[in-house]
């Protein structure tokens, strides 16, 4: 077999393996009992968030002065808040805000963390030491404290909350990808690609990243639930989404001031609980699918 044939075979193989791996992961998630339950919960939440304009019976910011602190009934399914706003409609629109923040923050932290981890793990030497010391410095702070500090500097806003959550989660992705890269870069097929003259960028993109991306997906699904809790905590403290935009965390904080109106806290809290549960179920199922040894 000629060198040209070896080169073409080496180039074609990485293109097909990742596709089959992702497809197998999705099928495995659906066959997994807990994974299927998590996918259903997440799909319902996404549909609710996308169709909030049609599903909500009232405007989430409309004030009904004659229906302040009304218990759940046939008109207001989840009751009304201290201003007479429909809590059911606000929970629906709050799903859109929370999922947007979580999706954007996790995606941003994944991209930045994966890039840092790949560069650090493959380059090594002083680049590895410098980047990892920065990541260690960020991880030295408690996640919520660091997020609060970032939002306090940038100002309470939806975009700033996304940035704060992304910064908090970036070190975890970076260290995970770095550890996987340190192992993969020593494998035979990576050494062969290097010996054949492939550039570092090509090796990382075509050989290293497809091998580490599966574990990154599992970690990302688990960090999504942590990101949701962080976003809710920021909104609970008044540093996240600003009123009158509905947010589950802010609604929960407001409901604690009215102990007689139990419905103001129970429904936003239940929404947070179900979302975190669904994301955790997907993460646990993805871990079992990728590593069958973890299954009982």
C-alpha atoms as a PDB file:
ATOM      1  CA  UNK A   1       0.000   0.000   0.000  1.00  0.00           C
ATOM      2  CA  UNK A   2       1.401   3.368  -0.990  1.00  0.00           C
ATOM      3  CA  UNK A   3       1.822   6.376   1.261  1.00  0.00           C
ATOM      4  CA  UNK A   4      -0.843   8.199  -0.751  1.00  0.00           C
ATOM      5  CA  UNK A   5      -3.350   5.457  -0.005  1.00  0.00           C
ATOM      6  CA  UNK A   6      -2.467   5.527   3.685  1.00  0.00           C
ATOM      7  CA  UNK A   7      -2.907   9.280   3.775  1.00  0.00           C
ATOM      8  CA  UNK A   8      -6.324   9.184   2.122  1.00  0.00           C
ATOM      9  CA  UNK A   9      -7.502   6.431   4.451  1.00  0.00           C
ATOM     10  CA  UNK A  10      -6.295   8.400   7.465  1.00  0.00           C
ATOM     11  CA  UNK A  11      -8.125  11.460   6.212  1.00  0.00           C
ATOM     12  CA  UNK A  12     -11.422   9.708   5.579  1.00  0.00           C
ATOM     13  CA  UNK A  13     -11.766   7.706   8.775  1.00  0.00           C
ATOM     14  CA  UNK A  14     -12.158  10.568  11.281  1.00  0.00           C
ATOM     15  CA  UNK A  15     -15.001  12.027   9.196  1.00  0.00           C
ATOM     16  CA  UNK A  16     -17.243   8.987   9.625  1.00  0.00           C
ATOM     17  CA  UNK A  17     -16.481   7.916  13.160  1.00  0.00           C
ATOM     18  CA  UNK A  18     -17.786  11.061  14.940  1.00  0.00           C
ATOM     19  CA  UNK A  19     -21.087  10.919  13.011  1.00  0.00           C
ATOM     20  CA  UNK A  20     -21.653   7.290  13.936  1.00  0.00           C
ATOM     21  CA  UNK A  21     -20.673   7.984  17.529  1.00  0.00           C
ATOM     22  CA  UNK A  22     -23.130  10.864  17.909  1.00  0.00           C
ATOM     23  CA  UNK A  23     -25.917   8.874  16.279  1.00  0.00           C
ATOM     24  CA  UNK A  24     -25.211   5.926  18.558  1.00  0.00           C
ATOM     25  CA  UNK A  25     -25.217   8.225  21.577  1.00  0.00           C
ATOM     26  CA  UNK A  26     -28.622   9.654  20.660  1.00  0.00           C
ATOM     27  CA  UNK A  27     -30.068   6.191  20.119  1.00  0.00           C
ATOM     28  CA  UNK A  28     -28.575   5.018  23.386  1.00  0.00           C
ATOM     29  CA  UNK A  29     -30.091   7.965  25.240  1.00  0.00           C
ATOM     30  CA  UNK A  30     -33.543   7.131  23.917  1.00  0.00           C
ATOM     31  CA  UNK A  31     -33.195   3.433  24.783  1.00  0.00           C
ATOM     32  CA  UNK A  32     -32.038   4.300  28.295  1.00  0.00           C
ATOM     33  CA  UNK A  33     -35.036   4.505  30.633  1.00  0.00           C
ATOM     34  CA  UNK A  34     -33.820   7.521  32.602  1.00  0.00           C
ATOM     35  CA  UNK A  35     -32.409   9.148  29.476  1.00  0.00           C
ATOM     36  CA  UNK A  36     -35.740   8.864  27.708  1.00  0.00           C
ATOM     37  CA  UNK A  37     -37.508  10.432  30.692  1.00  0.00           C
ATOM     38  CA  UNK A  38     -34.986  13.295  30.757  1.00  0.00           C
ATOM     39  CA  UNK A  39     -35.341  13.869  27.011  1.00  0.00           C
ATOM     40  CA  UNK A  40     -39.132  14.021  27.331  1.00  0.00           C
ATOM     41  CA  UNK A  41     -38.942  16.519  30.206  1.00  0.00           C
ATOM     42  CA  UNK A  42     -36.446  18.700  28.348  1.00  0.00           C
ATOM     43  CA  UNK A  43     -38.433  18.496  25.094  1.00  0.00           C
ATOM     44  CA  UNK A  44     -41.611  19.606  26.886  1.00  0.00           C
ATOM     45  CA  UNK A  45     -39.771  22.534  28.471  1.00  0.00           C
ATOM     46  CA  UNK A  46     -38.316  23.588  25.111  1.00  0.00           C
ATOM     47  CA  UNK A  47     -41.738  23.410  23.469  1.00  0.00           C
ATOM     48  CA  UNK A  48     -43.265  25.386  26.329  1.00  0.00           C
ATOM     49  CA  UNK A  49     -40.551  28.034  26.070  1.00  0.00           C
ATOM     50  CA  UNK A  50     -40.872  28.275  22.286  1.00  0.00           C
ATOM     51  CA  UNK A  51     -44.681  28.395  22.348  1.00  0.00           C
ATOM     52  CA  UNK A  52     -45.132  30.624  25.398  1.00  0.00           C
ATOM     53  CA  UNK A  53     -46.740  33.330  23.247  1.00  0.00           C
ATOM     54  CA  UNK A  54     -49.540  30.933  22.281  1.00  0.00           C
ATOM     55  CA  UNK A  55     -49.776  28.854  25.459  1.00  0.00           C
ATOM     56  CA  UNK A  56     -49.886  31.682  27.985  1.00  0.00           C
ATOM     57  CA  UNK A  57     -53.487  32.738  28.709  1.00  0.00           C
ATOM     58  CA  UNK A  58     -52.417  36.231  29.833  1.00  0.00           C
ATOM     59  CA  UNK A  59     -49.673  38.747  29.241  1.00  0.00           C
ATOM     60  CA  UNK A  60     -46.959  37.958  31.824  1.00  0.00           C
ATOM     61  CA  UNK A  61     -46.504  41.663  32.627  1.00  0.00           C
ATOM     62  CA  UNK A  62     -50.200  42.659  32.642  1.00  0.00           C
ATOM     63  CA  UNK A  63     -51.452  43.793  36.036  1.00  0.00           C
ATOM     64  CA  UNK A  64     -54.948  42.895  37.250  1.00  0.00           C
ATOM     65  CA  UNK A  65     -55.569  45.234  40.170  1.00  0.00           C
ATOM     66  CA  UNK A  66     -58.771  43.439  41.151  1.00  0.00           C
ATOM     67  CA  UNK A  67     -57.021  40.051  41.401  1.00  0.00           C
ATOM     68  CA  UNK A  68     -54.016  40.626  43.662  1.00  0.00           C
ATOM     69  CA  UNK A  69     -52.773  37.499  45.482  1.00  0.00           C
ATOM     70  CA  UNK A  70     -55.605  35.350  44.155  1.00  0.00           C
ATOM     71  CA  UNK A  71     -55.249  31.619  44.819  1.00  0.00           C
ATOM     72  CA  UNK A  72     -55.222  29.208  41.844  1.00  0.00           C
ATOM     73  CA  UNK A  73     -58.631  28.980  40.178  1.00  0.00           C
ATOM     74  CA  UNK A  74     -60.165  28.377  36.759  1.00  0.00           C
ATOM     75  CA  UNK A  75     -59.034  31.766  35.415  1.00  0.00           C
ATOM     76  CA  UNK A  76     -55.573  31.950  36.968  1.00  0.00           C
ATOM     77  CA  UNK A  77     -54.335  28.359  37.063  1.00  0.00           C
ATOM     78  CA  UNK A  78     -51.300  29.150  39.229  1.00  0.00           C
ATOM     79  CA  UNK A  79     -52.831  32.154  40.983  1.00  0.00           C
ATOM     80  CA  UNK A  80     -51.597  35.755  40.845  1.00  0.00           C
ATOM     81  CA  UNK A  81     -48.709  37.579  42.477  1.00  0.00           C
ATOM     82  CA  UNK A  82     -48.498  40.711  44.624  1.00  0.00           C
ATOM     83  CA  UNK A  83     -49.218  42.917  41.590  1.00  0.00           C
ATOM     84  CA  UNK A  84     -52.037  40.811  40.177  1.00  0.00           C
ATOM     85  CA  UNK A  85     -49.976  39.215  37.377  1.00  0.00           C
ATOM     86  CA  UNK A  86     -50.778  35.700  36.189  1.00  0.00           C
ATOM     87  CA  UNK A  87     -48.143  33.326  37.622  1.00  0.00           C
ATOM     88  CA  UNK A  88     -48.867  30.580  35.085  1.00  0.00           C
ATOM     89  CA  UNK A  89     -48.029  32.908  32.192  1.00  0.00           C
ATOM     90  CA  UNK A  90     -44.934  34.154  33.987  1.00  0.00           C
ATOM     91  CA  UNK A  91     -43.710  30.604  34.599  1.00  0.00           C
ATOM     92  CA  UNK A  92     -44.089  29.831  30.889  1.00  0.00           C
ATOM     93  CA  UNK A  93     -42.160  32.915  29.815  1.00  0.00           C
ATOM     94  CA  UNK A  94     -39.646  32.327  32.603  1.00  0.00           C
ATOM     95  CA  UNK A  95     -38.822  28.984  30.971  1.00  0.00           C
ATOM     96  CA  UNK A  96     -37.776  30.848  27.828  1.00  0.00           C
ATOM     97  CA  UNK A  97     -35.484  33.190  29.755  1.00  0.00           C
ATOM     98  CA  UNK A  98     -33.895  30.464  31.870  1.00  0.00           C
ATOM     99  CA  UNK A  99     -33.284  28.068  28.981  1.00  0.00           C
ATOM    100  CA  UNK A 100     -31.788  30.859  26.865  1.00  0.00           C
ATOM    101  CA  UNK A 101     -29.375  31.818  29.624  1.00  0.00           C
ATOM    102  CA  UNK A 102     -28.380  28.209  30.314  1.00  0.00           C
ATOM    103  CA  UNK A 103     -27.950  27.254  26.648  1.00  0.00           C
ATOM    104  CA  UNK A 104     -25.902  30.345  25.789  1.00  0.00           C
ATOM    105  CA  UNK A 105     -23.742  30.169  28.925  1.00  0.00           C
ATOM    106  CA  UNK A 106     -22.974  26.444  28.629  1.00  0.00           C
ATOM    107  CA  UNK A 107     -22.260  26.727  24.899  1.00  0.00           C
ATOM    108  CA  UNK A 108     -19.893  29.659  25.464  1.00  0.00           C
ATOM    109  CA  UNK A 109     -18.071  27.938  28.327  1.00  0.00           C
ATOM    110  CA  UNK A 110     -17.816  24.728  26.292  1.00  0.00           C
ATOM    111  CA  UNK A 111     -16.274  26.500  23.289  1.00  0.00           C
ATOM    112  CA  UNK A 112     -13.786  28.517  25.342  1.00  0.00           C
ATOM    113  CA  UNK A 113     -12.979  25.688  27.755  1.00  0.00           C
ATOM    114  CA  UNK A 114     -12.527  23.135  24.959  1.00  0.00           C
ATOM    115  CA  UNK A 115     -10.224  25.497  23.064  1.00  0.00           C
ATOM    116  CA  UNK A 116      -8.123  26.161  26.166  1.00  0.00           C
ATOM    117  CA  UNK A 117      -7.995  22.456  27.050  1.00  0.00           C
ATOM    118  CA  UNK A 118      -6.990  21.370  23.545  1.00  0.00           C
ATOM    119  CA  UNK A 119      -4.255  23.987  23.282  1.00  0.00           C
ATOM    120  CA  UNK A 120      -2.979  23.315  26.769  1.00  0.00           C
ATOM    121  CA  UNK A 121      -3.022  19.525  26.486  1.00  0.00           C
ATOM    122  CA  UNK A 122      -1.505  19.296  23.021  1.00  0.00           C
ATOM    123  CA  UNK A 123       1.084  22.074  23.290  1.00  0.00           C
ATOM    124  CA  UNK A 124       2.299  21.273  26.812  1.00  0.00           C
ATOM    125  CA  UNK A 125       5.353  23.002  28.336  1.00  0.00           C
ATOM    126  CA  UNK A 126       4.951  26.606  29.472  1.00  0.00           C
ATOM    127  CA  UNK A 127       1.688  27.067  27.537  1.00  0.00           C
ATOM    128  CA  UNK A 128       0.094  24.253  29.524  1.00  0.00           C
ATOM    129  CA  UNK A 129       1.388  25.620  32.824  1.00  0.00           C
ATOM    130  CA  UNK A 130       0.257  29.179  32.105  1.00  0.00           C
ATOM    131  CA  UNK A 131      -3.255  28.308  30.951  1.00  0.00           C
ATOM    132  CA  UNK A 132      -3.872  25.807  33.729  1.00  0.00           C
ATOM    133  CA  UNK A 133      -2.737  28.226  36.423  1.00  0.00           C
ATOM    134  CA  UNK A 134      -5.328  30.706  35.158  1.00  0.00           C
ATOM    135  CA  UNK A 135      -7.995  27.984  35.244  1.00  0.00           C
ATOM    136  CA  UNK A 136      -6.898  26.967  38.750  1.00  0.00           C
ATOM    137  CA  UNK A 137      -7.221  30.570  39.868  1.00  0.00           C
ATOM    138  CA  UNK A 138     -10.805  30.719  38.617  1.00  0.00           C
ATOM    139  CA  UNK A 139     -11.656  27.378  40.224  1.00  0.00           C
ATOM    140  CA  UNK A 140     -10.293  28.577  43.563  1.00  0.00           C
ATOM    141  CA  UNK A 141     -13.388  30.764  44.004  1.00  0.00           C
ATOM    142  CA  UNK A 142     -16.777  29.245  44.856  1.00  0.00           C
ATOM    143  CA  UNK A 143     -18.897  29.275  41.705  1.00  0.00           C
ATOM    144  CA  UNK A 144     -21.686  31.464  43.049  1.00  0.00           C
ATOM    145  CA  UNK A 145     -19.273  33.926  44.687  1.00  0.00           C
ATOM    146  CA  UNK A 146     -17.335  34.348  41.438  1.00  0.00           C
ATOM    147  CA  UNK A 147     -20.559  34.786  39.454  1.00  0.00           C
ATOM    148  CA  UNK A 148     -21.778  37.401  41.938  1.00  0.00           C
ATOM    149  CA  UNK A 149     -18.493  39.281  41.682  1.00  0.00           C
ATOM    150  CA  UNK A 150     -18.600  39.327  37.868  1.00  0.00           C
ATOM    151  CA  UNK A 151     -22.207  40.506  37.743  1.00  0.00           C
ATOM    152  CA  UNK A 152     -21.471  43.128  40.408  1.00  0.00           C
ATOM    153  CA  UNK A 153     -18.675  44.521  38.228  1.00  0.00           C
ATOM    154  CA  UNK A 154     -20.524  44.319  34.904  1.00  0.00           C
ATOM    155  CA  UNK A 155     -23.956  45.221  36.280  1.00  0.00           C
ATOM    156  CA  UNK A 156     -27.178  43.199  36.705  1.00  0.00           C
ATOM    157  CA  UNK A 157     -28.337  42.227  33.249  1.00  0.00           C
ATOM    158  CA  UNK A 158     -29.346  39.146  31.239  1.00  0.00           C
ATOM    159  CA  UNK A 159     -26.229  39.256  29.057  1.00  0.00           C
ATOM    160  CA  UNK A 160     -23.928  39.800  32.023  1.00  0.00           C
ATOM    161  CA  UNK A 161     -25.503  36.843  33.813  1.00  0.00           C
ATOM    162  CA  UNK A 162     -24.704  34.677  30.775  1.00  0.00           C
ATOM    163  CA  UNK A 163     -21.091  35.887  30.808  1.00  0.00           C
ATOM    164  CA  UNK A 164     -20.733  35.252  34.538  1.00  0.00           C
ATOM    165  CA  UNK A 165     -22.097  31.706  34.284  1.00  0.00           C
ATOM    166  CA  UNK A 166     -19.875  30.988  31.275  1.00  0.00           C
ATOM    167  CA  UNK A 167     -16.751  32.179  33.116  1.00  0.00           C
ATOM    168  CA  UNK A 168     -17.623  30.063  36.148  1.00  0.00           C
ATOM    169  CA  UNK A 169     -18.032  26.889  34.065  1.00  0.00           C
ATOM    170  CA  UNK A 170     -15.095  27.356  31.680  1.00  0.00           C
ATOM    171  CA  UNK A 171     -12.352  25.915  33.975  1.00  0.00           C
ATOM    172  CA  UNK A 172     -14.192  22.610  34.352  1.00  0.00           C
ATOM    173  CA  UNK A 173     -14.415  22.120  30.590  1.00  0.00           C
ATOM    174  CA  UNK A 174     -10.792  23.178  30.137  1.00  0.00           C
ATOM    175  CA  UNK A 175      -9.426  20.709  32.674  1.00  0.00           C
ATOM    176  CA  UNK A 176     -11.586  17.854  31.361  1.00  0.00           C
ATOM    177  CA  UNK A 177     -10.516  18.402  27.738  1.00  0.00           C
ATOM    178  CA  UNK A 178      -6.870  18.855  28.748  1.00  0.00           C
ATOM    179  CA  UNK A 179      -6.830  15.556  30.619  1.00  0.00           C
ATOM    180  CA  UNK A 180      -8.368  13.708  27.681  1.00  0.00           C
ATOM    181  CA  UNK A 181      -6.008  15.409  25.219  1.00  0.00           C
ATOM    182  CA  UNK A 182      -2.938  14.376  27.202  1.00  0.00           C
ATOM    183  CA  UNK A 183      -3.988  10.739  26.729  1.00  0.00           C
ATOM    184  CA  UNK A 184      -5.137  10.945  23.106  1.00  0.00           C
ATOM    185  CA  UNK A 185      -2.052  12.793  21.804  1.00  0.00           C
ATOM    186  CA  UNK A 186       0.108   9.783  22.708  1.00  0.00           C
ATOM    187  CA  UNK A 187      -2.024   7.243  20.828  1.00  0.00           C
ATOM    188  CA  UNK A 188      -0.643   5.537  17.730  1.00  0.00           C
ATOM    189  CA  UNK A 189      -2.911   7.134  15.144  1.00  0.00           C
ATOM    190  CA  UNK A 190      -2.078  10.633  16.416  1.00  0.00           C
ATOM    191  CA  UNK A 191       1.637   9.811  16.353  1.00  0.00           C
ATOM    192  CA  UNK A 192       1.224   8.479  12.807  1.00  0.00           C
ATOM    193  CA  UNK A 193      -0.512  11.643  11.671  1.00  0.00           C
ATOM    194  CA  UNK A 194       2.276  13.733  13.209  1.00  0.00           C
ATOM    195  CA  UNK A 195       4.933  11.592  11.507  1.00  0.00           C
ATOM    196  CA  UNK A 196       3.214  12.069   8.151  1.00  0.00           C
ATOM    197  CA  UNK A 197       3.564  15.829   8.504  1.00  0.00           C
ATOM    198  CA  UNK A 198       0.044  16.849   9.546  1.00  0.00           C
ATOM    199  CA  UNK A 199      -0.118  20.277  11.139  1.00  0.00           C
ATOM    200  CA  UNK A 200      -0.966  20.594  14.852  1.00  0.00           C
ATOM    201  CA  UNK A 201      -4.254  22.336  13.993  1.00  0.00           C
ATOM    202  CA  UNK A 202      -5.264  19.505  11.677  1.00  0.00           C
ATOM    203  CA  UNK A 203      -4.322  16.844  14.215  1.00  0.00           C
ATOM    204  CA  UNK A 204      -6.289  18.543  16.966  1.00  0.00           C
ATOM    205  CA  UNK A 205      -9.356  19.156  14.794  1.00  0.00           C
ATOM    206  CA  UNK A 206      -9.459  15.828  12.949  1.00  0.00           C
ATOM    207  CA  UNK A 207      -8.036  13.350  15.447  1.00  0.00           C
ATOM    208  CA  UNK A 208      -7.979  14.667  19.010  1.00  0.00           C
ATOM    209  CA  UNK A 209     -11.271  16.549  19.325  1.00  0.00           C
ATOM    210  CA  UNK A 210     -13.513  13.732  17.947  1.00  0.00           C
ATOM    211  CA  UNK A 211     -12.031  11.415  20.570  1.00  0.00           C
ATOM    212  CA  UNK A 212     -12.715  13.719  23.539  1.00  0.00           C
ATOM    213  CA  UNK A 213     -16.034  15.228  22.477  1.00  0.00           C
ATOM    214  CA  UNK A 214     -18.175  12.420  23.942  1.00  0.00           C
ATOM    215  CA  UNK A 215     -17.114  13.042  27.529  1.00  0.00           C
ATOM    216  CA  UNK A 216     -17.484  16.779  26.975  1.00  0.00           C
ATOM    217  CA  UNK A 217     -21.141  16.258  26.037  1.00  0.00           C
ATOM    218  CA  UNK A 218     -21.795  14.330  29.238  1.00  0.00           C
ATOM    219  CA  UNK A 219     -20.073  16.968  31.324  1.00  0.00           C
ATOM    220  CA  UNK A 220     -21.952  19.740  29.504  1.00  0.00           C
ATOM    221  CA  UNK A 221     -25.343  18.185  30.231  1.00  0.00           C
ATOM    222  CA  UNK A 222     -24.464  17.949  33.920  1.00  0.00           C
ATOM    223  CA  UNK A 223     -23.124  21.504  34.030  1.00  0.00           C
ATOM    224  CA  UNK A 224     -26.327  22.758  32.387  1.00  0.00           C
ATOM    225  CA  UNK A 225     -28.253  21.932  35.552  1.00  0.00           C
ATOM    226  CA  UNK A 226     -25.620  23.720  37.657  1.00  0.00           C
ATOM    227  CA  UNK A 227     -25.837  26.703  35.297  1.00  0.00           C
ATOM    228  CA  UNK A 228     -29.610  26.827  35.772  1.00  0.00           C
ATOM    229  CA  UNK A 229     -29.196  26.831  39.544  1.00  0.00           C
ATOM    230  CA  UNK A 230     -26.609  29.623  39.295  1.00  0.00           C
ATOM    231  CA  UNK A 231     -28.899  31.679  37.045  1.00  0.00           C
ATOM    232  CA  UNK A 232     -31.792  31.174  39.450  1.00  0.00           C
ATOM    233  CA  UNK A 233     -29.574  32.169  42.374  1.00  0.00           C
ATOM    234  CA  UNK A 234     -28.470  35.365  40.601  1.00  0.00           C
ATOM    235  CA  UNK A 235     -32.078  36.252  39.801  1.00  0.00           C
ATOM    236  CA  UNK A 236     -33.085  35.351  43.358  1.00  0.00           C
ATOM    237  CA  UNK A 237     -30.578  37.923  44.626  1.00  0.00           C
ATOM    238  CA  UNK A 238     -31.726  40.525  42.098  1.00  0.00           C
ATOM    239  CA  UNK A 239     -28.545  40.361  39.987  1.00  0.00           C
ATOM    240  CA  UNK A 240     -29.871  38.358  37.067  1.00  0.00           C
ATOM    241  CA  UNK A 241     -32.823  39.059  34.823  1.00  0.00           C
ATOM    242  CA  UNK A 242     -34.375  42.360  35.814  1.00  0.00           C
ATOM    243  CA  UNK A 243     -38.126  42.889  36.332  1.00  0.00           C
ATOM    244  CA  UNK A 244     -40.660  43.020  34.824  1.00  0.00           C
ATOM    245  CA  UNK A 245     -39.102  40.231  32.720  1.00  0.00           C
ATOM    246  CA  UNK A 246     -40.258  36.975  34.360  1.00  0.00           C
ATOM    247  CA  UNK A 247     -37.560  34.800  35.879  1.00  0.00           C
ATOM    248  CA  UNK A 248     -38.013  31.724  38.035  1.00  0.00           C
ATOM    249  CA  UNK A 249     -35.390  32.808  40.560  1.00  0.00           C
ATOM    250  CA  UNK A 250     -36.824  36.295  40.982  1.00  0.00           C
ATOM    251  CA  UNK A 251     -40.358  34.905  41.272  1.00  0.00           C
ATOM    252  CA  UNK A 252     -39.137  32.540  43.979  1.00  0.00           C
ATOM    253  CA  UNK A 253     -37.537  35.406  45.902  1.00  0.00           C
ATOM    254  CA  UNK A 254     -40.700  37.486  45.663  1.00  0.00           C
ATOM    255  CA  UNK A 255     -42.870  34.607  46.804  1.00  0.00           C
ATOM    256  CA  UNK A 256     -40.830  34.189  49.992  1.00  0.00           C
ATOM    257  CA  UNK A 257     -42.017  37.629  51.087  1.00  0.00           C
ATOM    258  CA  UNK A 258     -45.655  36.475  50.995  1.00  0.00           C
ATOM    259  CA  UNK A 259     -45.811  33.314  53.070  1.00  0.00           C
ATOM    260  CA  UNK A 260     -49.601  33.269  52.974  1.00  0.00           C
ATOM    261  CA  UNK A 261     -49.528  33.025  49.160  1.00  0.00           C
ATOM    262  CA  UNK A 262     -47.877  29.609  48.857  1.00  0.00           C
ATOM    263  CA  UNK A 263     -48.506  29.435  45.108  1.00  0.00           C
ATOM    264  CA  UNK A 264     -46.074  32.282  44.427  1.00  0.00           C
ATOM    265  CA  UNK A 265     -43.116  30.109  45.436  1.00  0.00           C
ATOM    266  CA  UNK A 266     -44.225  26.547  44.783  1.00  0.00           C
ATOM    267  CA  UNK A 267     -44.741  26.792  41.020  1.00  0.00           C
ATOM    268  CA  UNK A 268     -41.456  28.574  40.078  1.00  0.00           C
ATOM    269  CA  UNK A 269     -39.614  26.239  42.437  1.00  0.00           C
ATOM    270  CA  UNK A 270     -41.272  23.226  40.846  1.00  0.00           C
ATOM    271  CA  UNK A 271     -40.245  24.483  37.390  1.00  0.00           C
ATOM    272  CA  UNK A 272     -36.615  24.764  38.509  1.00  0.00           C
ATOM    273  CA  UNK A 273     -36.770  21.299  40.074  1.00  0.00           C
ATOM    274  CA  UNK A 274     -38.183  19.611  36.962  1.00  0.00           C
ATOM    275  CA  UNK A 275     -35.666  21.294  34.655  1.00  0.00           C
ATOM    276  CA  UNK A 276     -32.690  20.348  36.820  1.00  0.00           C
ATOM    277  CA  UNK A 277     -34.045  16.802  37.141  1.00  0.00           C
ATOM    278  CA  UNK A 278     -34.417  16.438  33.375  1.00  0.00           C
ATOM    279  CA  UNK A 279     -30.904  17.708  32.690  1.00  0.00           C
ATOM    280  CA  UNK A 280     -29.396  15.443  35.334  1.00  0.00           C
ATOM    281  CA  UNK A 281     -31.238  12.417  33.957  1.00  0.00           C
ATOM    282  CA  UNK A 282     -29.858  13.129  30.496  1.00  0.00           C
ATOM    283  CA  UNK A 283     -26.344  13.546  31.886  1.00  0.00           C
ATOM    284  CA  UNK A 284     -26.480  10.306  33.869  1.00  0.00           C
ATOM    285  CA  UNK A 285     -27.879   8.396  30.904  1.00  0.00           C
ATOM    286  CA  UNK A 286     -25.228   9.820  28.550  1.00  0.00           C
ATOM    287  CA  UNK A 287     -22.531   8.703  30.981  1.00  0.00           C
ATOM    288  CA  UNK A 288     -23.974   5.171  31.030  1.00  0.00           C
ATOM    289  CA  UNK A 289     -24.193   5.049  27.226  1.00  0.00           C
ATOM    290  CA  UNK A 290     -20.612   6.208  26.691  1.00  0.00           C
ATOM    291  CA  UNK A 291     -19.206   3.980  29.453  1.00  0.00           C
ATOM    292  CA  UNK A 292     -21.381   0.847  29.846  1.00  0.00           C
ATOM    293  CA  UNK A 293     -19.294  -0.196  32.884  1.00  0.00           C
ATOM    294  CA  UNK A 294     -21.182   2.396  34.959  1.00  0.00           C
ATOM    295  CA  UNK A 295     -24.520   0.679  34.336  1.00  0.00           C
ATOM    296  CA  UNK A 296     -25.938  -1.567  37.025  1.00  0.00           C
END
